[in-house]
Amino acid sequence: MKQHQYHRGIFEAAAALGEEAKLRGLISDVGRVVRILDGNISTEEERASVSDPSSPAYPILLRIMAARRDNLKETLSALERRLAPRPAEVVSPCGSIAPRYALSLRSSGTVCTTRSGKASDL
């Protein structure tokens, strides 16, 4: 039974690391799209000779692009919050997330108690 729980913990940690990699890739992609939209908005504002969004002469296309950019920035913030480690994960180096922090904890000499009750150095 304990062996099964151990393997389940390893698979959960691997799945968490895979999800983290996907989130980092998505954050990178969304950030790139935001930067592209910023550049396109600047270019179109120069072309239209209008940079004030409250002006009646401000093109509708630019309003749409700015709204899209703002929505993507909110999405980016939400993804970054989701990626940030929760306090319980950082405080508990022996949990399922321990492999992510193992190298830094090993150098600090952190000692964890295993499921069998034995102490182990990271």
C-alpha atoms as a PDB file:
ATOM      1  CA  MET A   1       0.000   0.000   0.000  1.00  0.00           C
ATOM      2  CA  LYS A   2       2.793   2.446   0.915  1.00  0.00           C
ATOM      3  CA  GLN A   3       4.605   1.627  -2.344  1.00  0.00           C
ATOM      4  CA  HIS A   4       1.451   2.521  -4.290  1.00  0.00           C
ATOM      5  CA  GLN A   5       1.127   5.847  -2.453  1.00  0.00           C
ATOM      6  CA  TYR A   6       4.771   6.640  -3.153  1.00  0.00           C
ATOM      7  CA  HIS A   7       4.361   6.014  -6.893  1.00  0.00           C
ATOM      8  CA  ARG A   8       1.141   8.015  -6.921  1.00  0.00           C
ATOM      9  CA  GLY A   9       3.026  10.928  -5.330  1.00  0.00           C
ATOM     10  CA  ILE A  10       5.727  10.716  -7.989  1.00  0.00           C
ATOM     11  CA  PHE A  11       3.150  10.733 -10.792  1.00  0.00           C
ATOM     12  CA  GLU A  12       1.331  13.686  -9.224  1.00  0.00           C
ATOM     13  CA  ALA A  13       4.607  15.602  -8.947  1.00  0.00           C
ATOM     14  CA  ALA A  14       5.441  14.807 -12.578  1.00  0.00           C
ATOM     15  CA  ALA A  15       1.978  15.928 -13.677  1.00  0.00           C
ATOM     16  CA  ALA A  16       2.401  19.165 -11.699  1.00  0.00           C
ATOM     17  CA  LEU A  17       5.749  19.812 -13.389  1.00  0.00           C
ATOM     18  CA  GLY A  18       4.176  19.117 -16.797  1.00  0.00           C
ATOM     19  CA  GLU A  19       1.355  21.542 -16.038  1.00  0.00           C
ATOM     20  CA  GLU A  20       3.903  24.118 -14.907  1.00  0.00           C
ATOM     21  CA  ALA A  21       5.794  23.779 -18.195  1.00  0.00           C
ATOM     22  CA  LYS A  22       2.559  24.244 -20.155  1.00  0.00           C
ATOM     23  CA  LEU A  23       1.675  27.325 -18.112  1.00  0.00           C
ATOM     24  CA  ARG A  24       5.128  28.830 -18.663  1.00  0.00           C
ATOM     25  CA  GLY A  25       4.775  28.249 -22.417  1.00  0.00           C
ATOM     26  CA  LEU A  26       1.313  29.803 -22.448  1.00  0.00           C
ATOM     27  CA  ILE A  27       2.550  32.801 -20.440  1.00  0.00           C
ATOM     28  CA  SER A  28       5.364  33.274 -22.933  1.00  0.00           C
ATOM     29  CA  ASP A  29       2.988  33.067 -25.914  1.00  0.00           C
ATOM     30  CA  VAL A  30       0.423  35.452 -24.440  1.00  0.00           C
ATOM     31  CA  GLY A  31       3.180  37.899 -23.489  1.00  0.00           C
ATOM     32  CA  ARG A  32       4.474  37.814 -27.067  1.00  0.00           C
ATOM     33  CA  VAL A  33       0.994  38.547 -28.445  1.00  0.00           C
ATOM     34  CA  VAL A  34       0.629  41.491 -26.018  1.00  0.00           C
ATOM     35  CA  ARG A  35       3.955  42.931 -27.219  1.00  0.00           C
ATOM     36  CA  ILE A  36       2.901  42.501 -30.863  1.00  0.00           C
ATOM     37  CA  LEU A  37      -0.406  44.254 -30.182  1.00  0.00           C
ATOM     38  CA  ASP A  38       1.417  47.108 -28.413  1.00  0.00           C
ATOM     39  CA  GLY A  39       3.616  47.572 -31.475  1.00  0.00           C
ATOM     40  CA  ASN A  40       0.677  47.414 -33.869  1.00  0.00           C
ATOM     41  CA  ILE A  41      -1.280  49.936 -31.801  1.00  0.00           C
ATOM     42  CA  SER A  42       1.665  52.346 -31.769  1.00  0.00           C
ATOM     43  CA  THR A  43       2.124  52.002 -35.527  1.00  0.00           C
ATOM     44  CA  GLU A  44      -1.560  52.593 -36.238  1.00  0.00           C
ATOM     45  CA  GLU A  45      -1.681  55.592 -33.881  1.00  0.00           C
ATOM     46  CA  GLU A  46       1.207  57.179 -35.785  1.00  0.00           C
ATOM     47  CA  ARG A  47      -0.508  56.435 -39.089  1.00  0.00           C
ATOM     48  CA  ALA A  48      -3.828  57.921 -37.899  1.00  0.00           C
ATOM     49  CA  SER A  49      -2.083  60.859 -36.168  1.00  0.00           C
ATOM     50  CA  VAL A  50      -4.305  60.264 -33.126  1.00  0.00           C
ATOM     51  CA  SER A  51      -2.999  58.835 -29.871  1.00  0.00           C
ATOM     52  CA  ASP A  52      -5.796  59.793 -27.476  1.00  0.00           C
ATOM     53  CA  PRO A  53      -8.322  56.930 -27.103  1.00  0.00           C
ATOM     54  CA  SER A  54     -10.954  59.382 -25.786  1.00  0.00           C
ATOM     55  CA  SER A  55     -10.806  61.382 -29.023  1.00  0.00           C
ATOM     56  CA  PRO A  56     -13.755  60.887 -31.420  1.00  0.00           C
ATOM     57  CA  ALA A  57     -11.223  60.588 -34.240  1.00  0.00           C
ATOM     58  CA  TYR A  58      -9.525  57.579 -32.602  1.00  0.00           C
ATOM     59  CA  PRO A  59     -10.023  54.640 -35.008  1.00  0.00           C
ATOM     60  CA  ILE A  60     -12.380  51.833 -34.023  1.00  0.00           C
ATOM     61  CA  LEU A  61      -9.749  49.272 -35.034  1.00  0.00           C
ATOM     62  CA  LEU A  62      -7.404  50.709 -32.408  1.00  0.00           C
ATOM     63  CA  ARG A  63     -10.120  50.576 -29.760  1.00  0.00           C
ATOM     64  CA  ILE A  64     -10.684  46.909 -30.555  1.00  0.00           C
ATOM     65  CA  MET A  65      -6.946  46.150 -30.524  1.00  0.00           C
ATOM     66  CA  ALA A  66      -6.502  47.969 -27.192  1.00  0.00           C
ATOM     67  CA  ALA A  67      -9.421  46.066 -25.647  1.00  0.00           C
ATOM     68  CA  ARG A  68      -7.934  42.784 -26.865  1.00  0.00           C
ATOM     69  CA  ARG A  69      -4.525  43.725 -25.454  1.00  0.00           C
ATOM     70  CA  ASP A  70      -6.041  44.683 -22.086  1.00  0.00           C
ATOM     71  CA  ASN A  71      -7.952  41.379 -21.890  1.00  0.00           C
ATOM     72  CA  LEU A  72      -4.769  39.458 -22.690  1.00  0.00           C
ATOM     73  CA  LYS A  73      -2.896  41.358 -19.962  1.00  0.00           C
ATOM     74  CA  GLU A  74      -5.559  40.278 -17.457  1.00  0.00           C
ATOM     75  CA  THR A  75      -5.254  36.701 -18.683  1.00  0.00           C
ATOM     76  CA  LEU A  76      -1.483  36.926 -18.332  1.00  0.00           C
ATOM     77  CA  SER A  77      -1.817  38.109 -14.726  1.00  0.00           C
ATOM     78  CA  ALA A  78      -4.196  35.255 -13.919  1.00  0.00           C
ATOM     79  CA  LEU A  79      -1.813  32.699 -15.436  1.00  0.00           C
ATOM     80  CA  GLU A  80       1.123  34.105 -13.480  1.00  0.00           C
ATOM     81  CA  ARG A  81      -0.885  33.924 -10.233  1.00  0.00           C
ATOM     82  CA  ARG A  82      -1.758  30.325 -11.016  1.00  0.00           C
ATOM     83  CA  LEU A  83       1.902  29.519 -11.578  1.00  0.00           C
ATOM     84  CA  ALA A  84       3.101  31.120  -8.324  1.00  0.00           C
ATOM     85  CA  PRO A  85       3.749  28.508  -5.624  1.00  0.00           C
ATOM     86  CA  ARG A  86       1.293  28.405  -2.755  1.00  0.00           C
ATOM     87  CA  PRO A  87       2.750  28.989   0.744  1.00  0.00           C
ATOM     88  CA  ALA A  88       1.994  25.399   1.798  1.00  0.00           C
ATOM     89  CA  GLU A  89       4.052  24.085  -1.116  1.00  0.00           C
ATOM     90  CA  VAL A  90       7.054  26.198  -0.220  1.00  0.00           C
ATOM     91  CA  VAL A  91       6.849  25.516   3.513  1.00  0.00           C
ATOM     92  CA  SER A  92       6.514  21.749   3.076  1.00  0.00           C
ATOM     93  CA  PRO A  93       9.623  20.595   1.192  1.00  0.00           C
ATOM     94  CA  CYS A  94       8.745  16.920   1.716  1.00  0.00           C
ATOM     95  CA  GLY A  95       5.383  17.064  -0.046  1.00  0.00           C
ATOM     96  CA  SER A  96       4.589  16.092  -3.619  1.00  0.00           C
ATOM     97  CA  ILE A  97       6.233  19.271  -4.859  1.00  0.00           C
ATOM     98  CA  ALA A  98       9.582  18.518  -3.170  1.00  0.00           C
ATOM     99  CA  PRO A  99      11.388  17.520  -6.404  1.00  0.00           C
ATOM    100  CA  ARG A 100      11.066  21.090  -7.692  1.00  0.00           C
ATOM    101  CA  TYR A 101      12.887  22.460  -4.645  1.00  0.00           C
ATOM    102  CA  ALA A 102      15.169  19.486  -3.967  1.00  0.00           C
ATOM    103  CA  LEU A 103      18.373  21.102  -5.231  1.00  0.00           C
ATOM    104  CA  SER A 104      18.048  24.291  -3.205  1.00  0.00           C
ATOM    105  CA  LEU A 105      16.924  22.381  -0.118  1.00  0.00           C
ATOM    106  CA  ARG A 106      19.735  19.868  -0.427  1.00  0.00           C
ATOM    107  CA  SER A 107      22.293  22.662  -0.286  1.00  0.00           C
ATOM    108  CA  SER A 108      20.603  24.146   2.796  1.00  0.00           C
ATOM    109  CA  GLY A 109      20.692  20.832   4.664  1.00  0.00           C
ATOM    110  CA  THR A 110      16.921  20.517   5.099  1.00  0.00           C
ATOM    111  CA  VAL A 111      15.842  17.254   6.751  1.00  0.00           C
ATOM    112  CA  CYS A 112      12.503  15.664   5.895  1.00  0.00           C
ATOM    113  CA  THR A 113      10.604  12.840   7.524  1.00  0.00           C
ATOM    114  CA  THR A 114       9.500  10.115   5.094  1.00  0.00           C
ATOM    115  CA  ARG A 115       6.180   8.311   5.227  1.00  0.00           C
ATOM    116  CA  SER A 116       7.823   5.494   7.181  1.00  0.00           C
ATOM    117  CA  GLY A 117       8.880   8.015   9.858  1.00  0.00           C
ATOM    118  CA  LYS A 118      12.567   7.936   9.011  1.00  0.00           C
ATOM    119  CA  ALA A 119      14.475  11.193   8.575  1.00  0.00           C
ATOM    120  CA  SER A 120      16.159  11.813   5.251  1.00  0.00           C
ATOM    121  CA  ASP A 121      18.409  14.607   4.058  1.00  0.00           C
ATOM    122  CA  LEU A 122      17.527  16.402   0.870  1.00  0.00           C
END
